[in-house]
Amino acid sequence: MAADYKILSVMVCDDIRFETNGKEIIIGVYNNTIIVPSLPTVFPLLAFRVAAKLTKTKMGNVTFYLKDPSGKEITAHTIPGRTVETTDDPALFSLQIGPVVFPLAGVYSFWFGIDRKPEKTFTFRVRLPTDATESARLET
């Protein structure tokens, strides 16, 4: 991991919204598995929330990739760098992308980098339901 920051957490969810008072509303948080009704499947929007401990207040561009189980990039984005007030608190990055196509079942990887080539920071599984209970949850 890069010496100028340390990833503290990564969250994947359906959406992240911001209130005028500075609070985040995080909607539809996934655990390490996303169960889908069929493959391929399309998510109109997918959001990632990254918390990173920085060692400097001025950071370069933030780049992130999402890769499928074969290692193929299915999306890549770069956002401009910024300056934070302090390194005492984690820097928070809310990254929203869409549409996102999941072509097959398996382990997907999220890659993240600040002012350098992204590194794999988080993985999650996409799969079909394994029983009637999981299938029924997807119908609602």
N, C-alpha and C. Protein backbone atom coordinates (compact mmCIF):
# COMPACT_ATOMS: atom_id res chain seq x y z
N MET A 1 0.84 -1.18 0.00
CA MET A 1 0.00 0.00 0.00
C MET A 1 0.89 1.24 0.00
N ALA A 2 0.39 2.26 -0.59
CA ALA A 2 1.16 3.49 -0.73
C ALA A 2 1.47 4.10 0.64
N ALA A 3 2.62 4.76 0.74
CA ALA A 3 3.05 5.33 2.02
C ALA A 3 2.30 6.62 2.37
N ASP A 4 1.71 7.32 1.38
CA ASP A 4 1.06 8.60 1.68
C ASP A 4 -0.43 8.46 2.02
N TYR A 5 -0.94 7.23 2.03
CA TYR A 5 -2.29 6.99 2.51
C TYR A 5 -2.46 5.51 2.85
N LYS A 6 -3.47 5.25 3.68
CA LYS A 6 -3.81 3.88 4.05
C LYS A 6 -5.32 3.73 3.95
N ILE A 7 -5.79 2.72 3.23
CA ILE A 7 -7.22 2.47 3.11
C ILE A 7 -7.73 1.92 4.44
N LEU A 8 -8.74 2.56 4.99
CA LEU A 8 -9.33 2.12 6.25
C LEU A 8 -10.56 1.23 6.03
N SER A 9 -11.37 1.59 5.03
CA SER A 9 -12.57 0.79 4.74
C SER A 9 -13.07 1.09 3.33
N VAL A 10 -13.78 0.11 2.79
CA VAL A 10 -14.47 0.27 1.51
C VAL A 10 -15.86 -0.31 1.68
N MET A 11 -16.85 0.43 1.20
CA MET A 11 -18.24 -0.01 1.28
C MET A 11 -18.83 0.05 -0.12
N VAL A 12 -19.63 -0.95 -0.48
CA VAL A 12 -20.33 -0.93 -1.76
C VAL A 12 -21.83 -0.87 -1.46
N CYS A 13 -22.53 0.01 -2.18
CA CYS A 13 -23.95 0.22 -1.92
C CYS A 13 -24.65 0.69 -3.19
N ASP A 14 -25.97 0.82 -3.09
CA ASP A 14 -26.76 1.26 -4.24
C ASP A 14 -26.61 2.75 -4.53
N ASP A 15 -26.49 3.56 -3.47
CA ASP A 15 -26.43 5.01 -3.68
C ASP A 15 -25.90 5.68 -2.42
N ILE A 16 -25.30 6.84 -2.60
CA ILE A 16 -24.88 7.70 -1.50
C ILE A 16 -25.42 9.09 -1.80
N ARG A 17 -26.15 9.63 -0.86
CA ARG A 17 -26.71 10.97 -1.02
C ARG A 17 -26.19 11.86 0.09
N PHE A 18 -26.20 13.15 -0.17
CA PHE A 18 -25.63 14.09 0.79
C PHE A 18 -26.69 15.09 1.23
N GLU A 19 -26.82 15.26 2.54
CA GLU A 19 -27.73 16.24 3.10
C GLU A 19 -27.03 17.59 3.19
N THR A 20 -27.79 18.65 3.28
CA THR A 20 -27.19 19.99 3.36
C THR A 20 -26.41 20.20 4.64
N ASN A 21 -26.68 19.40 5.68
CA ASN A 21 -25.95 19.54 6.94
C ASN A 21 -24.65 18.74 6.95
N GLY A 22 -24.31 18.12 5.80
CA GLY A 22 -23.05 17.40 5.70
C GLY A 22 -23.14 15.90 5.94
N LYS A 23 -24.30 15.42 6.38
CA LYS A 23 -24.46 13.99 6.60
C LYS A 23 -24.58 13.25 5.27
N GLU A 24 -24.16 11.99 5.31
CA GLU A 24 -24.35 11.11 4.16
C GLU A 24 -25.53 10.18 4.42
N ILE A 25 -26.27 9.91 3.39
CA ILE A 25 -27.31 8.88 3.45
C ILE A 25 -26.80 7.75 2.55
N ILE A 26 -26.52 6.62 3.17
CA ILE A 26 -25.98 5.47 2.45
C ILE A 26 -27.10 4.47 2.29
N ILE A 27 -27.44 4.16 1.03
CA ILE A 27 -28.61 3.35 0.71
C ILE A 27 -28.18 2.00 0.14
N GLY A 28 -28.81 0.94 0.65
CA GLY A 28 -28.62 -0.39 0.09
C GLY A 28 -27.20 -0.92 0.21
N VAL A 29 -26.68 -0.99 1.43
CA VAL A 29 -25.31 -1.46 1.65
C VAL A 29 -25.25 -2.97 1.42
N TYR A 30 -24.29 -3.39 0.63
CA TYR A 30 -24.07 -4.81 0.38
C TYR A 30 -23.01 -5.35 1.31
N ASN A 31 -23.16 -6.61 1.68
CA ASN A 31 -22.09 -7.29 2.40
C ASN A 31 -21.06 -7.69 1.34
N ASN A 32 -20.38 -8.76 1.51
CA ASN A 32 -19.37 -9.16 0.52
C ASN A 32 -19.96 -9.93 -0.65
N THR A 33 -21.30 -10.06 -0.70
CA THR A 33 -21.95 -10.78 -1.79
C THR A 33 -23.12 -9.97 -2.31
N ILE A 34 -23.21 -9.87 -3.62
CA ILE A 34 -24.36 -9.25 -4.28
C ILE A 34 -25.07 -10.38 -5.03
N ILE A 35 -26.32 -10.63 -4.64
CA ILE A 35 -27.11 -11.69 -5.27
C ILE A 35 -27.98 -11.05 -6.34
N VAL A 36 -27.91 -11.58 -7.56
CA VAL A 36 -28.64 -11.00 -8.70
C VAL A 36 -29.59 -12.05 -9.28
N PRO A 37 -30.70 -11.60 -9.90
CA PRO A 37 -31.68 -12.56 -10.42
C PRO A 37 -31.23 -13.29 -11.67
N SER A 38 -30.32 -12.68 -12.44
CA SER A 38 -29.85 -13.31 -13.68
C SER A 38 -28.52 -12.68 -14.08
N LEU A 39 -27.83 -13.37 -14.96
CA LEU A 39 -26.55 -12.86 -15.49
C LEU A 39 -26.56 -12.96 -17.00
N PRO A 40 -26.04 -11.98 -17.70
CA PRO A 40 -25.51 -10.73 -17.13
C PRO A 40 -26.63 -9.89 -16.53
N THR A 41 -26.24 -8.97 -15.66
CA THR A 41 -27.21 -8.06 -15.04
C THR A 41 -26.64 -6.65 -15.04
N VAL A 42 -27.52 -5.68 -15.06
CA VAL A 42 -27.11 -4.27 -15.11
C VAL A 42 -27.62 -3.56 -13.87
N PHE A 43 -26.73 -2.85 -13.21
CA PHE A 43 -27.09 -1.96 -12.10
C PHE A 43 -27.07 -0.54 -12.66
N PRO A 44 -28.18 0.18 -12.58
CA PRO A 44 -28.20 1.55 -13.10
C PRO A 44 -27.19 2.45 -12.37
N LEU A 45 -26.97 2.16 -11.08
CA LEU A 45 -26.04 2.94 -10.27
C LEU A 45 -25.44 2.03 -9.21
N LEU A 46 -24.16 2.19 -8.97
CA LEU A 46 -23.48 1.49 -7.89
C LEU A 46 -22.53 2.50 -7.27
N ALA A 47 -22.43 2.46 -5.96
CA ALA A 47 -21.59 3.45 -5.27
C ALA A 47 -20.57 2.75 -4.38
N PHE A 48 -19.41 3.36 -4.28
CA PHE A 48 -18.35 2.89 -3.40
C PHE A 48 -17.97 4.04 -2.48
N ARG A 49 -17.82 3.74 -1.20
CA ARG A 49 -17.39 4.74 -0.23
C ARG A 49 -16.07 4.26 0.35
N VAL A 50 -15.04 5.05 0.16
CA VAL A 50 -13.71 4.70 0.62
C VAL A 50 -13.29 5.67 1.71
N ALA A 51 -12.80 5.14 2.83
CA ALA A 51 -12.21 5.95 3.89
C ALA A 51 -10.72 5.68 3.88
N ALA A 52 -9.93 6.75 3.81
CA ALA A 52 -8.46 6.61 3.75
C ALA A 52 -7.81 7.55 4.75
N LYS A 53 -6.79 7.07 5.40
CA LYS A 53 -5.98 7.89 6.30
C LYS A 53 -4.85 8.48 5.47
N LEU A 54 -4.81 9.80 5.38
CA LEU A 54 -3.81 10.49 4.58
C LEU A 54 -2.65 10.94 5.44
N THR A 55 -1.48 11.06 4.81
CA THR A 55 -0.31 11.60 5.53
C THR A 55 0.01 13.01 5.07
N LYS A 56 -0.72 13.51 4.06
CA LYS A 56 -0.52 14.88 3.60
C LYS A 56 -1.88 15.47 3.22
N THR A 57 -1.98 16.79 3.28
CA THR A 57 -3.27 17.43 3.03
C THR A 57 -3.57 17.65 1.55
N LYS A 58 -2.56 17.73 0.72
CA LYS A 58 -2.77 17.92 -0.72
C LYS A 58 -2.59 16.58 -1.41
N MET A 59 -3.63 16.17 -2.16
CA MET A 59 -3.55 14.89 -2.85
C MET A 59 -3.74 15.07 -4.34
N GLY A 60 -3.18 14.14 -5.07
CA GLY A 60 -3.32 14.15 -6.53
C GLY A 60 -4.62 13.50 -6.96
N ASN A 61 -4.70 13.19 -8.25
CA ASN A 61 -5.91 12.58 -8.80
C ASN A 61 -6.21 11.24 -8.14
N VAL A 62 -7.50 10.95 -8.03
CA VAL A 62 -7.97 9.69 -7.48
C VAL A 62 -8.47 8.84 -8.65
N THR A 63 -7.92 7.65 -8.78
CA THR A 63 -8.30 6.75 -9.87
C THR A 63 -8.83 5.45 -9.27
N PHE A 64 -9.90 4.93 -9.88
CA PHE A 64 -10.41 3.64 -9.42
C PHE A 64 -10.90 2.82 -10.60
N TYR A 65 -10.77 1.50 -10.44
CA TYR A 65 -11.21 0.53 -11.44
C TYR A 65 -12.14 -0.46 -10.77
N LEU A 66 -12.99 -1.06 -11.56
CA LEU A 66 -13.74 -2.23 -11.16
C LEU A 66 -13.41 -3.31 -12.18
N LYS A 67 -12.98 -4.48 -11.69
CA LYS A 67 -12.58 -5.57 -12.58
C LYS A 67 -13.45 -6.79 -12.34
N ASP A 68 -13.75 -7.50 -13.44
CA ASP A 68 -14.56 -8.71 -13.34
C ASP A 68 -13.70 -9.89 -12.90
N PRO A 69 -14.30 -11.08 -12.69
CA PRO A 69 -13.52 -12.22 -12.19
C PRO A 69 -12.35 -12.64 -13.07
N SER A 70 -12.39 -12.32 -14.35
CA SER A 70 -11.27 -12.66 -15.25
C SER A 70 -10.15 -11.62 -15.20
N GLY A 71 -10.38 -10.52 -14.47
CA GLY A 71 -9.40 -9.44 -14.39
C GLY A 71 -9.61 -8.33 -15.40
N LYS A 72 -10.67 -8.43 -16.20
CA LYS A 72 -10.97 -7.41 -17.20
C LYS A 72 -11.59 -6.19 -16.53
N GLU A 73 -11.09 -5.01 -16.88
CA GLU A 73 -11.66 -3.76 -16.37
C GLU A 73 -13.05 -3.58 -16.95
N ILE A 74 -14.03 -3.36 -16.06
CA ILE A 74 -15.37 -3.09 -16.57
C ILE A 74 -15.75 -1.62 -16.40
N THR A 75 -14.98 -0.91 -15.61
CA THR A 75 -15.13 0.55 -15.51
C THR A 75 -13.86 1.13 -14.90
N ALA A 76 -13.53 2.32 -15.31
CA ALA A 76 -12.36 3.04 -14.76
C ALA A 76 -12.68 4.52 -14.76
N HIS A 77 -12.35 5.18 -13.66
CA HIS A 77 -12.63 6.61 -13.53
C HIS A 77 -11.50 7.31 -12.80
N THR A 78 -11.28 8.56 -13.15
CA THR A 78 -10.32 9.41 -12.44
C THR A 78 -11.03 10.70 -12.07
N ILE A 79 -10.86 11.10 -10.81
CA ILE A 79 -11.43 12.37 -10.36
C ILE A 79 -10.29 13.27 -9.91
N PRO A 80 -10.44 14.59 -10.06
CA PRO A 80 -9.35 15.51 -9.71
C PRO A 80 -8.96 15.45 -8.24
N GLY A 81 -7.70 15.70 -7.99
CA GLY A 81 -7.20 15.77 -6.63
C GLY A 81 -7.81 16.93 -5.87
N ARG A 82 -7.58 16.94 -4.59
CA ARG A 82 -8.13 18.02 -3.76
C ARG A 82 -7.23 18.21 -2.54
N THR A 83 -7.53 19.23 -1.79
CA THR A 83 -6.82 19.49 -0.54
C THR A 83 -7.79 19.29 0.60
N VAL A 84 -7.36 18.60 1.64
CA VAL A 84 -8.18 18.42 2.83
C VAL A 84 -7.66 19.32 3.93
N GLU A 85 -8.51 19.65 4.89
CA GLU A 85 -8.13 20.57 5.96
C GLU A 85 -7.11 19.96 6.92
N THR A 86 -7.26 18.66 7.19
CA THR A 86 -6.40 18.01 8.18
C THR A 86 -6.21 16.55 7.82
N THR A 87 -5.14 15.98 8.31
CA THR A 87 -4.93 14.53 8.16
C THR A 87 -5.34 13.79 9.42
N ASP A 88 -5.88 14.52 10.40
CA ASP A 88 -6.31 13.88 11.64
C ASP A 88 -7.51 12.96 11.44
N ASP A 89 -8.40 13.35 10.54
CA ASP A 89 -9.60 12.56 10.26
C ASP A 89 -9.44 11.84 8.92
N PRO A 90 -10.11 10.70 8.76
CA PRO A 90 -10.04 10.02 7.46
C PRO A 90 -10.62 10.88 6.34
N ALA A 91 -10.03 10.78 5.17
CA ALA A 91 -10.59 11.39 3.96
C ALA A 91 -11.63 10.43 3.42
N LEU A 92 -12.79 10.95 3.03
CA LEU A 92 -13.87 10.12 2.53
C LEU A 92 -14.09 10.38 1.05
N PHE A 93 -14.20 9.30 0.30
CA PHE A 93 -14.42 9.38 -1.13
C PHE A 93 -15.70 8.62 -1.45
N SER A 94 -16.67 9.31 -2.05
CA SER A 94 -17.91 8.68 -2.48
C SER A 94 -17.89 8.64 -3.99
N LEU A 95 -17.81 7.44 -4.52
CA LEU A 95 -17.63 7.24 -5.96
C LEU A 95 -18.87 6.55 -6.51
N GLN A 96 -19.59 7.23 -7.38
CA GLN A 96 -20.81 6.67 -7.94
C GLN A 96 -20.62 6.44 -9.43
N ILE A 97 -20.96 5.23 -9.86
CA ILE A 97 -20.79 4.87 -11.27
C ILE A 97 -22.05 4.19 -11.78
N GLY A 98 -22.26 4.26 -13.05
CA GLY A 98 -23.39 3.57 -13.64
C GLY A 98 -23.59 3.97 -15.08
N PRO A 99 -24.20 3.12 -15.83
CA PRO A 99 -24.62 1.78 -15.41
C PRO A 99 -23.41 0.84 -15.29
N VAL A 100 -23.56 -0.18 -14.45
CA VAL A 100 -22.52 -1.19 -14.26
C VAL A 100 -23.08 -2.53 -14.69
N VAL A 101 -22.39 -3.19 -15.61
CA VAL A 101 -22.80 -4.50 -16.09
C VAL A 101 -21.95 -5.56 -15.39
N PHE A 102 -22.62 -6.51 -14.76
CA PHE A 102 -21.94 -7.68 -14.21
C PHE A 102 -22.19 -8.83 -15.18
N PRO A 103 -21.17 -9.19 -15.97
CA PRO A 103 -21.38 -10.19 -17.01
C PRO A 103 -21.44 -11.63 -16.51
N LEU A 104 -20.79 -11.91 -15.38
CA LEU A 104 -20.74 -13.29 -14.91
C LEU A 104 -20.61 -13.36 -13.41
N ALA A 105 -20.87 -14.54 -12.88
CA ALA A 105 -20.73 -14.77 -11.44
C ALA A 105 -19.25 -14.87 -11.09
N GLY A 106 -18.94 -14.52 -9.85
CA GLY A 106 -17.56 -14.65 -9.39
C GLY A 106 -17.15 -13.48 -8.52
N VAL A 107 -15.86 -13.39 -8.26
CA VAL A 107 -15.30 -12.35 -7.39
C VAL A 107 -14.84 -11.16 -8.24
N TYR A 108 -15.41 -10.00 -7.94
CA TYR A 108 -15.06 -8.75 -8.59
C TYR A 108 -14.10 -7.99 -7.67
N SER A 109 -13.25 -7.17 -8.26
CA SER A 109 -12.29 -6.43 -7.44
C SER A 109 -12.39 -4.94 -7.70
N PHE A 110 -12.23 -4.18 -6.63
CA PHE A 110 -12.25 -2.71 -6.67
C PHE A 110 -10.82 -2.25 -6.43
N TRP A 111 -10.31 -1.44 -7.34
CA TRP A 111 -8.93 -0.94 -7.30
C TRP A 111 -8.97 0.56 -7.07
N PHE A 112 -8.08 1.07 -6.22
CA PHE A 112 -8.13 2.48 -5.82
C PHE A 112 -6.71 3.02 -5.70
N GLY A 113 -6.50 4.25 -6.18
CA GLY A 113 -5.19 4.88 -6.03
C GLY A 113 -5.31 6.38 -5.98
N ILE A 114 -4.47 7.00 -5.15
CA ILE A 114 -4.39 8.45 -5.09
C ILE A 114 -3.03 8.84 -5.65
N ASP A 115 -3.06 9.54 -6.79
CA ASP A 115 -1.84 10.05 -7.43
C ASP A 115 -0.87 8.93 -7.81
N ARG A 116 -1.41 7.77 -8.12
CA ARG A 116 -0.59 6.63 -8.57
C ARG A 116 -1.51 5.54 -9.13
N LYS A 117 -0.89 4.53 -9.68
CA LYS A 117 -1.64 3.41 -10.23
C LYS A 117 -2.47 2.75 -9.12
N PRO A 118 -3.75 2.49 -9.38
CA PRO A 118 -4.59 1.88 -8.35
C PRO A 118 -4.10 0.48 -7.94
N GLU A 119 -4.40 0.15 -6.68
CA GLU A 119 -4.11 -1.17 -6.12
C GLU A 119 -5.42 -1.81 -5.71
N LYS A 120 -5.45 -3.14 -5.74
CA LYS A 120 -6.66 -3.85 -5.33
C LYS A 120 -6.90 -3.59 -3.84
N THR A 121 -8.10 -3.06 -3.52
CA THR A 121 -8.39 -2.69 -2.14
C THR A 121 -9.60 -3.41 -1.56
N PHE A 122 -10.43 -4.03 -2.41
CA PHE A 122 -11.66 -4.63 -1.93
C PHE A 122 -12.15 -5.63 -2.95
N THR A 123 -12.72 -6.74 -2.48
CA THR A 123 -13.35 -7.70 -3.38
C THR A 123 -14.75 -8.03 -2.88
N PHE A 124 -15.61 -8.39 -3.81
CA PHE A 124 -16.96 -8.83 -3.47
C PHE A 124 -17.40 -9.84 -4.52
N ARG A 125 -18.32 -10.69 -4.12
CA ARG A 125 -18.82 -11.76 -5.00
C ARG A 125 -20.16 -11.37 -5.59
N VAL A 126 -20.36 -11.69 -6.85
CA VAL A 126 -21.66 -11.57 -7.51
C VAL A 126 -22.09 -12.99 -7.85
N ARG A 127 -23.32 -13.33 -7.48
CA ARG A 127 -23.79 -14.69 -7.74
C ARG A 127 -25.31 -14.72 -7.89
N LEU A 128 -25.79 -15.83 -8.41
CA LEU A 128 -27.23 -16.08 -8.53
C LEU A 128 -27.74 -16.62 -7.20
N PRO A 129 -29.06 -16.60 -6.99
CA PRO A 129 -29.62 -17.18 -5.77
C PRO A 129 -29.33 -18.68 -5.70
N THR A 130 -29.17 -19.18 -4.49
CA THR A 130 -28.89 -20.61 -4.32
C THR A 130 -30.10 -21.39 -3.81
N ASP A 131 -31.18 -20.67 -3.41
CA ASP A 131 -32.38 -21.37 -2.94
C ASP A 131 -33.61 -20.48 -3.15
N ALA A 132 -34.76 -21.04 -2.84
CA ALA A 132 -36.04 -20.34 -3.05
C ALA A 132 -36.14 -19.08 -2.19
N THR A 133 -35.58 -19.11 -0.99
CA THR A 133 -35.64 -17.94 -0.10
C THR A 133 -34.89 -16.77 -0.71
N GLU A 134 -33.70 -17.01 -1.22
CA GLU A 134 -32.93 -15.92 -1.86
C GLU A 134 -33.64 -15.44 -3.11
N SER A 135 -34.22 -16.34 -3.89
CA SER A 135 -34.93 -15.94 -5.09
C SER A 135 -36.13 -15.05 -4.74
N ALA A 136 -36.84 -15.41 -3.69
CA ALA A 136 -38.04 -14.65 -3.28
C ALA A 136 -37.66 -13.24 -2.84
N ARG A 137 -36.50 -13.08 -2.18
CA ARG A 137 -36.06 -11.74 -1.74
C ARG A 137 -35.82 -10.83 -2.92
N LEU A 138 -35.42 -11.37 -4.04
CA LEU A 138 -35.13 -10.54 -5.22
C LEU A 138 -36.39 -10.08 -5.93
N GLU A 139 -37.51 -10.71 -5.65
CA GLU A 139 -38.78 -10.37 -6.31
C GLU A 139 -39.43 -9.15 -5.70
N THR A 140 -39.02 -8.73 -4.51
CA THR A 140 -39.68 -7.59 -3.85
C THR A 140 -39.03 -6.29 -4.23
